[in-house]
Protein backbone atom coordinates (compact mmCIF):
# COMPACT_ATOMS: atom_id res chain seq x y z
CA MET A 1 22.80 11.59 38.61
CA ALA A 2 24.02 15.00 37.45
CA SER A 3 25.03 17.49 40.12
CA ILE A 4 25.66 21.28 40.26
CA ARG A 5 28.68 23.07 41.73
CA ARG A 6 29.00 26.81 42.40
CA ARG A 7 32.41 28.01 41.19
CA PRO A 8 33.72 31.53 41.88
CA ARG A 9 36.09 33.07 39.33
CA LYS A 10 39.14 35.22 39.97
CA ASP A 11 37.32 38.30 38.70
CA GLY A 12 34.65 37.83 41.34
CA SER A 13 31.98 36.43 39.02
CA VAL A 14 30.36 33.06 39.54
CA VAL A 15 29.61 30.18 37.14
CA TRP A 16 27.55 27.11 37.75
CA ALA A 17 29.08 23.78 36.72
CA VAL A 18 27.01 20.73 35.88
CA LEU A 19 28.87 17.46 36.47
CA TRP A 20 27.84 14.02 35.20
CA ARG A 21 29.20 10.76 33.81
CA ASP A 22 28.14 10.84 30.20
CA ALA A 23 26.37 7.70 29.02
CA ASP A 24 27.67 8.11 25.46
CA THR A 25 31.38 8.36 26.35
CA GLY A 26 31.53 6.81 29.82
CA ARG A 27 33.65 9.76 31.00
CA GLN A 28 33.16 12.21 33.84
CA THR A 29 32.07 15.42 32.15
CA SER A 30 31.27 18.97 33.19
CA ARG A 31 29.83 22.05 31.56
CA ALA A 32 29.94 25.60 33.00
CA LEU A 33 26.83 27.76 32.65
CA PRO A 34 26.37 31.46 33.53
CA THR A 35 23.27 31.10 35.73
CA GLU A 36 21.97 28.63 38.26
CA ALA A 37 18.71 28.43 36.31
CA ASP A 38 20.60 27.29 33.19
CA ALA A 39 22.48 24.70 35.26
CA ARG A 40 19.28 23.35 36.79
CA GLU A 41 17.70 23.07 33.33
CA LEU A 42 20.65 21.07 31.96
CA ARG A 43 20.69 18.83 35.03
CA GLY A 44 16.99 18.14 34.53
CA PHE A 45 17.47 17.21 30.88
CA LEU A 46 20.43 14.95 31.72
CA ASN A 47 18.59 13.15 34.52
CA ALA A 48 15.57 12.65 32.24
CA ASN A 49 17.72 11.26 29.41
CA GLU A 50 19.95 8.68 31.14
CA GLN A 51 22.90 11.09 31.52
CA SER A 52 23.36 11.32 27.73
CA PHE A 53 24.25 14.84 26.65
CA SER A 54 23.27 14.16 23.03
CA LEU A 55 19.80 12.97 24.08
CA ALA A 56 19.48 15.87 26.52
CA ALA A 57 20.37 18.33 23.74
CA GLN A 58 17.75 16.76 21.45
CA ALA A 59 15.13 16.98 24.19
CA ALA A 60 15.97 20.63 24.78
CA SER A 61 15.75 21.48 21.07
CA LYS A 62 12.41 19.70 20.80
CA LEU A 63 11.10 21.69 23.73
CA ARG A 64 12.17 25.00 22.21
CA SER A 65 11.28 24.31 18.55
CA THR A 66 8.53 26.35 16.92
CA ALA A 67 8.27 24.05 13.86
CA PRO A 68 5.06 22.05 13.22
CA THR A 69 4.93 18.59 14.75
CA VAL A 70 5.20 15.34 12.83
CA ALA A 71 1.46 14.82 13.33
CA GLU A 72 0.71 18.24 11.82
CA ILE A 73 3.00 17.60 8.84
CA ILE A 74 1.33 14.25 8.15
CA ALA A 75 -2.16 15.73 8.43
CA LEU A 76 -1.20 18.56 6.05
CA HIS A 77 0.33 16.13 3.56
CA ILE A 78 -2.72 13.83 3.51
CA ASN A 79 -5.07 16.79 3.20
CA MET A 80 -3.12 18.16 0.20
CA LEU A 81 -3.19 14.91 -1.80
CA THR A 82 -5.14 15.42 -5.02
CA ALA A 83 -4.88 12.04 -6.78
CA VAL A 84 -6.64 9.92 -4.15
CA GLY A 85 -10.29 9.39 -3.29
CA PRO A 86 -11.90 9.99 0.11
CA ASP A 87 -11.64 6.31 1.02
CA THR A 88 -7.88 6.25 0.42
CA ARG A 89 -7.45 9.53 2.29
CA ALA A 90 -9.38 8.11 5.25
CA LYS A 91 -7.23 4.96 5.14
CA TYR A 92 -4.02 7.02 5.32
CA GLU A 93 -5.43 8.98 8.26
CA ARG A 94 -6.28 5.75 10.10
CA VAL A 95 -2.81 4.31 9.53
CA ALA A 96 -1.15 7.51 10.76
CA ALA A 97 -3.37 7.75 13.83
CA ARG A 98 -2.80 4.10 14.70
CA HIS A 99 0.89 3.63 13.98
CA ILE A 100 2.74 6.95 13.60
CA THR A 101 1.36 9.74 15.76
CA PRO A 102 1.33 7.83 19.08
CA ALA A 103 5.13 7.50 18.90
CA LEU A 104 6.30 10.41 16.75
CA GLY A 105 3.35 12.77 16.44
CA SER A 106 4.34 15.25 19.16
CA ILE A 107 7.94 15.70 17.95
CA PRO A 108 8.65 19.01 16.15
CA VAL A 109 9.50 17.94 12.62
CA ASP A 110 12.77 19.91 12.55
CA THR A 111 14.06 17.92 15.54
CA LEU A 112 13.04 14.47 14.28
CA THR A 113 16.16 12.32 13.93
CA ARG A 114 17.06 9.14 12.07
CA HIS A 115 17.42 7.52 15.47
CA ASP A 116 13.80 8.44 16.28
CA VAL A 117 12.60 6.90 13.01
CA ALA A 118 14.69 3.74 13.30
CA GLN A 119 13.63 3.18 16.90
CA TRP A 120 9.98 3.66 15.94
CA MET A 121 10.25 1.28 12.96
CA ASN A 122 11.83 -1.41 15.12
CA SER A 123 9.07 -1.08 17.71
CA LEU A 124 6.17 -1.54 15.26
CA GLN A 125 4.43 -4.86 15.89
CA VAL A 126 2.66 -5.18 12.54
CA SER A 127 2.98 -7.22 9.37
CA ALA A 128 5.81 -6.49 6.95
CA LYS A 129 3.38 -5.03 4.41
CA THR A 130 1.75 -2.73 6.98
CA LYS A 131 5.17 -1.61 8.21
CA LYS A 132 6.22 -0.75 4.66
CA ASN A 133 3.00 1.16 3.94
CA THR A 134 3.22 3.05 7.24
CA HIS A 135 6.83 4.06 6.58
CA SER A 136 5.79 5.26 3.11
CA ILE A 137 3.21 7.64 4.60
CA LEU A 138 5.75 9.16 6.98
CA SER A 139 8.42 9.43 4.28
CA ALA A 140 6.02 11.07 1.82
CA ALA A 141 4.95 13.60 4.45
CA LEU A 142 8.58 14.44 5.24
CA ASN A 143 9.31 14.84 1.52
CA SER A 144 6.46 17.35 1.37
CA ALA A 145 7.98 19.21 4.33
CA VAL A 146 11.33 19.34 2.49
CA ARG A 147 9.67 20.77 -0.63
CA ASP A 148 7.90 23.37 1.53
CA GLY A 149 11.22 24.45 3.08
CA ILE A 150 10.22 23.38 6.60
CA ILE A 151 13.09 20.91 7.01
CA PRO A 152 16.33 20.50 5.05
CA ALA A 153 16.16 16.73 4.53
CA ASN A 154 13.96 13.66 4.93
CA VAL A 155 15.50 11.78 7.86
CA SER A 156 13.48 8.62 7.13
CA LYS A 157 14.94 8.23 3.65
CA GLY A 158 17.08 5.12 3.37
CA ILE A 159 15.74 3.51 6.55
CA ALA A 160 14.38 0.24 5.22
CA PRO A 161 11.60 -1.30 7.29
CA SER A 162 12.80 -4.59 8.76
CA GLY A 163 11.16 -7.83 7.73
CA ILE A 164 10.26 -6.63 4.23
CA ARG A 165 10.52 -9.43 1.73
CA ALA A 166 11.21 -8.91 -1.93
CA THR A 167 8.11 -8.37 -4.04
CA ARG A 168 6.70 -11.69 -5.16
CA GLU A 169 6.98 -12.19 -8.88
CA PRO A 170 3.67 -12.61 -10.75
CA VAL A 171 2.60 -16.11 -11.68
CA PHE A 172 1.46 -16.30 -15.30
CA CYS A 173 -0.84 -19.21 -16.12
CA THR A 174 -1.03 -20.92 -19.46
CA ALA A 175 -4.42 -21.42 -21.12
CA GLY A 176 -4.24 -25.06 -20.09
CA GLU A 177 -3.54 -24.17 -16.45
CA ALA A 178 -6.40 -21.65 -16.50
CA THR A 179 -8.74 -24.41 -17.67
CA ILE A 180 -7.51 -26.75 -14.94
CA ILE A 181 -8.06 -24.11 -12.25
CA THR A 182 -11.47 -23.03 -13.54
CA ASN A 183 -12.77 -26.59 -13.88
CA ALA A 184 -11.57 -27.47 -10.36
CA THR A 185 -13.25 -24.41 -8.82
CA PRO A 186 -16.59 -25.09 -7.08
CA ASP A 187 -19.38 -24.87 -9.66
CA TRP A 188 -20.91 -21.75 -8.14
CA HIS A 189 -17.70 -19.77 -8.60
CA GLN A 190 -16.58 -21.07 -12.01
CA PRO A 191 -18.15 -18.15 -13.96
CA PHE A 192 -16.39 -15.72 -11.61
CA VAL A 193 -12.93 -17.28 -12.05
CA ASP A 194 -13.40 -17.56 -15.82
CA THR A 195 -14.34 -13.86 -15.94
CA LEU A 196 -11.26 -12.82 -13.95
CA PHE A 197 -9.04 -14.74 -16.36
CA ASN A 198 -10.73 -13.23 -19.43
CA SER A 199 -11.46 -9.65 -18.37
CA GLY A 200 -8.42 -8.56 -16.39
CA ALA A 201 -10.76 -7.07 -13.77
CA ARG A 202 -9.58 -6.70 -10.19
CA PHE A 203 -11.33 -8.80 -7.53
CA SER A 204 -12.87 -5.67 -5.98
CA GLU A 205 -14.15 -4.53 -9.40
CA ALA A 206 -15.65 -7.81 -10.57
CA THR A 207 -17.43 -8.45 -7.26
CA ALA A 208 -18.98 -4.95 -7.37
CA CYS A 209 -20.48 -5.49 -10.84
CA GLU A 210 -24.25 -5.76 -11.08
CA VAL A 211 -26.16 -7.67 -13.73
CA ARG A 212 -27.10 -4.38 -15.41
CA ASP A 213 -23.36 -3.68 -15.90
CA LEU A 214 -23.27 -6.59 -18.33
CA THR A 215 -24.55 -6.06 -21.86
CA ILE A 216 -25.21 -9.30 -23.74
CA THR A 217 -26.03 -9.24 -27.43
CA ASP A 218 -26.58 -11.93 -30.02
CA HIS A 219 -23.60 -12.46 -32.31
CA SER A 220 -24.30 -14.93 -35.11
CA GLY A 221 -26.45 -17.00 -32.80
CA SER A 222 -24.07 -16.84 -29.84
CA PRO A 223 -24.10 -14.40 -26.92
CA ARG A 224 -21.39 -11.71 -26.76
CA ALA A 225 -20.99 -9.72 -23.58
CA THR A 226 -19.33 -6.46 -22.59
CA MET A 227 -18.79 -5.64 -18.94
CA SER A 228 -18.90 -2.02 -17.73
CA ILE A 229 -16.47 -1.63 -14.84
CA VAL A 230 -17.64 1.54 -13.11
CA LYS A 231 -17.31 0.73 -9.41
CA ALA A 232 -15.37 -1.30 -6.86
CA TRP A 233 -15.58 -2.37 -3.23
CA LYS A 234 -13.81 -0.01 -0.80
CA ASP A 235 -12.76 -0.54 2.81
CA THR A 236 -13.91 2.52 4.80
CA PRO A 237 -14.24 3.34 8.53
CA GLU A 238 -17.96 2.55 8.13
CA GLY A 239 -17.21 -0.86 6.58
CA TRP A 240 -17.14 -2.16 3.02
CA VAL A 241 -18.98 0.04 0.54
CA ILE A 242 -19.18 0.26 -3.24
CA GLY A 243 -17.44 3.32 -4.70
CA PRO A 244 -15.58 4.38 -7.83
CA PRO A 245 -12.75 2.25 -9.26
CA LYS A 246 -9.16 2.60 -8.08
CA THR A 247 -8.24 5.23 -10.70
CA ARG A 248 -10.00 7.65 -13.06
CA ARG A 249 -9.19 5.36 -15.98
CA GLY A 250 -10.55 2.47 -13.97
CA ARG A 251 -13.98 3.29 -15.44
CA ARG A 252 -13.98 1.21 -18.59
CA THR A 253 -15.90 -1.25 -20.73
CA VAL A 254 -14.35 -4.64 -21.39
CA ALA A 255 -15.43 -6.98 -24.18
CA LEU A 256 -15.53 -10.63 -23.11
CA PRO A 257 -14.75 -13.66 -25.29
CA GLY A 258 -17.53 -15.89 -26.56
CA HIS A 259 -17.17 -18.76 -24.08
CA THR A 260 -17.15 -16.37 -21.09
CA SER A 261 -20.16 -14.52 -22.51
CA ALA A 262 -22.08 -17.78 -22.86
CA LEU A 263 -21.13 -18.87 -19.34
CA LEU A 264 -22.38 -15.59 -17.84
CA ASP A 265 -25.56 -15.61 -19.92
CA GLN A 266 -26.34 -19.12 -18.68
CA MET A 267 -25.52 -18.18 -15.06
CA ILE A 268 -27.86 -15.16 -15.10
CA ARG A 269 -30.73 -17.22 -16.46
CA GLU A 270 -30.23 -20.20 -14.15
CA ARG A 271 -29.98 -18.00 -11.03
CA ASP A 272 -32.83 -15.75 -12.18
CA LEU A 273 -30.76 -12.64 -11.46
CA LYS A 274 -32.34 -9.21 -11.67
CA PRO A 275 -30.66 -6.10 -13.18
CA ARG A 276 -29.67 -4.63 -9.79
CA ASP A 277 -28.40 -7.92 -8.35
CA LEU A 278 -24.68 -8.38 -7.86
CA LEU A 279 -23.30 -10.46 -10.70
CA PHE A 280 -20.99 -12.53 -8.48
CA THR A 281 -21.97 -13.53 -4.94
CA ASP A 282 -21.42 -16.34 -2.49
CA PRO A 283 -23.80 -19.34 -2.72
CA LYS A 284 -26.20 -17.58 -0.29
CA GLY A 285 -26.44 -14.54 -2.52
CA ARG A 286 -24.32 -12.31 -0.30
CA ALA A 287 -21.50 -10.01 -1.43
CA LEU A 288 -18.40 -12.03 -2.25
CA ARG A 289 -15.62 -11.14 0.20
CA ASN A 290 -11.99 -11.71 -0.68
CA ARG A 291 -11.15 -13.46 2.58
CA ASP A 292 -14.11 -15.85 2.40
CA PHE A 293 -13.51 -16.65 -1.27
CA HIS A 294 -9.86 -17.46 -0.58
CA ARG A 295 -10.66 -19.65 2.40
CA LEU A 296 -13.65 -21.51 1.01
CA ALA A 297 -12.95 -21.71 -2.73
CA TRP A 298 -9.58 -20.50 -3.97
CA GLN A 299 -7.20 -22.23 -1.56
CA PRO A 300 -9.02 -25.60 -1.66
CA THR A 301 -9.02 -25.43 -5.46
CA LEU A 302 -5.27 -24.82 -5.64
CA ASP A 303 -4.62 -27.55 -3.07
CA ALA A 304 -6.47 -29.99 -5.33
CA VAL A 305 -4.62 -29.14 -8.57
CA GLU A 306 -1.26 -27.86 -7.34
CA ASP A 307 0.61 -30.85 -8.76
CA GLN A 308 -0.72 -29.92 -12.24
CA LEU A 309 0.55 -26.31 -12.10
CA ARG A 310 4.04 -24.91 -12.58
CA ALA A 311 3.46 -22.44 -9.72
CA ARG A 312 0.69 -21.53 -7.30
CA PRO A 313 -1.04 -18.31 -8.45
CA ARG A 314 -2.71 -15.70 -6.27
CA ILE A 315 -6.11 -14.44 -7.33
CA HIS A 316 -4.49 -11.20 -8.59
CA ASP A 317 -2.28 -13.30 -10.86
CA LEU A 318 -5.36 -13.96 -13.01
CA ARG A 319 -5.19 -10.27 -13.95
CA HIS A 320 -1.47 -10.60 -14.74
CA THR A 321 -2.22 -13.71 -16.79
CA HIS A 322 -4.85 -11.83 -18.80
CA ALA A 323 -2.26 -9.17 -19.65
CA LEU A 324 0.23 -11.83 -20.76
CA TRP A 325 -2.34 -13.44 -23.05
CA LEU A 326 -3.04 -10.07 -24.69
CA ILE A 327 0.66 -9.41 -25.19
CA ALA A 328 1.16 -12.87 -26.69
CA ALA A 329 -1.67 -12.07 -29.10
CA GLY A 330 0.12 -8.92 -30.24
CA VAL A 331 -2.21 -6.43 -28.52
CA PRO A 332 -0.48 -3.03 -28.07
CA LEU A 333 0.36 -1.88 -24.53
CA THR A 334 -1.88 1.17 -24.95
CA VAL A 335 -4.89 -1.09 -25.51
CA ILE A 336 -3.88 -3.27 -22.55
CA GLN A 337 -3.59 -0.12 -20.42
CA ARG A 338 -7.18 0.84 -21.18
CA ARG A 339 -8.46 -2.71 -20.70
CA LEU A 340 -6.78 -3.05 -17.29
CA GLY A 341 -7.74 0.47 -16.21
CA HIS A 342 -4.20 1.67 -15.49
CA GLU A 343 -4.02 5.43 -14.93
CA SER A 344 -0.72 5.69 -16.80
CA ILE A 345 0.87 3.77 -19.66
CA GLN A 346 4.03 3.88 -17.52
CA THR A 347 2.35 1.53 -15.04
CA THR A 348 1.51 -0.91 -17.81
CA SER A 349 5.00 -0.65 -19.26
CA ASP A 350 6.69 -1.14 -15.87
CA LEU A 351 4.62 -4.24 -15.16
CA TYR A 352 4.53 -5.89 -18.58
CA GLY A 353 6.93 -4.04 -20.88
CA HIS A 354 9.56 -6.75 -20.63
CA LEU A 355 6.98 -9.32 -21.75
CA ALA A 356 6.13 -7.21 -24.77
CA ASP A 357 9.85 -6.95 -25.60
CA ASP A 358 10.15 -10.75 -25.39
CA ALA A 359 7.12 -11.18 -27.66
CA ASP A 360 8.53 -8.70 -30.17
CA ALA A 361 11.88 -10.47 -30.19
CA ALA A 362 10.13 -13.79 -30.82
CA ALA A 363 8.19 -12.24 -33.69
CA ALA A 364 11.41 -10.90 -35.25
CA ALA A 365 13.03 -14.29 -34.91
CA ALA A 366 10.08 -15.87 -36.69
CA LEU A 367 10.76 -13.60 -39.67
CA ASP A 368 14.40 -14.62 -40.04
């Protein structure tokens, strides 16, 4: 424990010395202060911080700082976001309230240290994906504070969340593999899986479609369908609700191939679906939930045909596969962007540009 000694000087004045064995160096250390009150304050900080002068100094600076707290910086950052919807904003607020502010929220942002961030990251008992997303919210808020001149640097930058695995590469299915998967899917869900392969729609978009979002016309005696993607399921504090698509460009109309059109036309008639009914549901007519579909249909299907596939796709890989098929057919990336509902062509290029380059190279080789 730190102690205080009164030490007279030759000139008759008095200083107050604080003595302690510093935890950082292991050495007996002292510091002279002009008043007893100052000495008592330092002793208190040392005793509260395991006799570490560096930790005591940080605690003192945090106590005296007039800068906004980490919680206030995060709240300001989330409130100022302009490219997200209310559901995403609410999700960020829930993540911050649950995982960031209990540990770091009260710290003045100008006294937050890399040690604070690293210690917090290591203490998080969540999945690797949640840890990465949580760190991203904190880092983005600190970047905003840097731009606003509140702090000189983002102390969380470069601190990689532990347990983060490399992003899994997409699995692209061939047309033959798509047929194998679709045919092995339980009958009720076959039109749904076929539509995902042939529309590029996200799971949350396709399962939010109503029958009235599908326009089926006669084309030389065969049905041809277009699907208007204008909404998607959203996870909100009140539960799952239907809202707008993920991005502004997510509102789009997608033409479906003939065999998919015929499959959907037959499904609507056989199930006697009404215009406001959901197009894709579970066998009891309830909204199709991702978790239930994976557990009851998708995973059993893949288990049954895995030995016939080059790799095991996730449900989102059906969207990647659709993009690959379009690229192989020579469809420009700008058209693919609109069909997939990407907000920016940069997103499409980053995800699939290398595939387009490969297709172009193959086309050039064919001309030699």
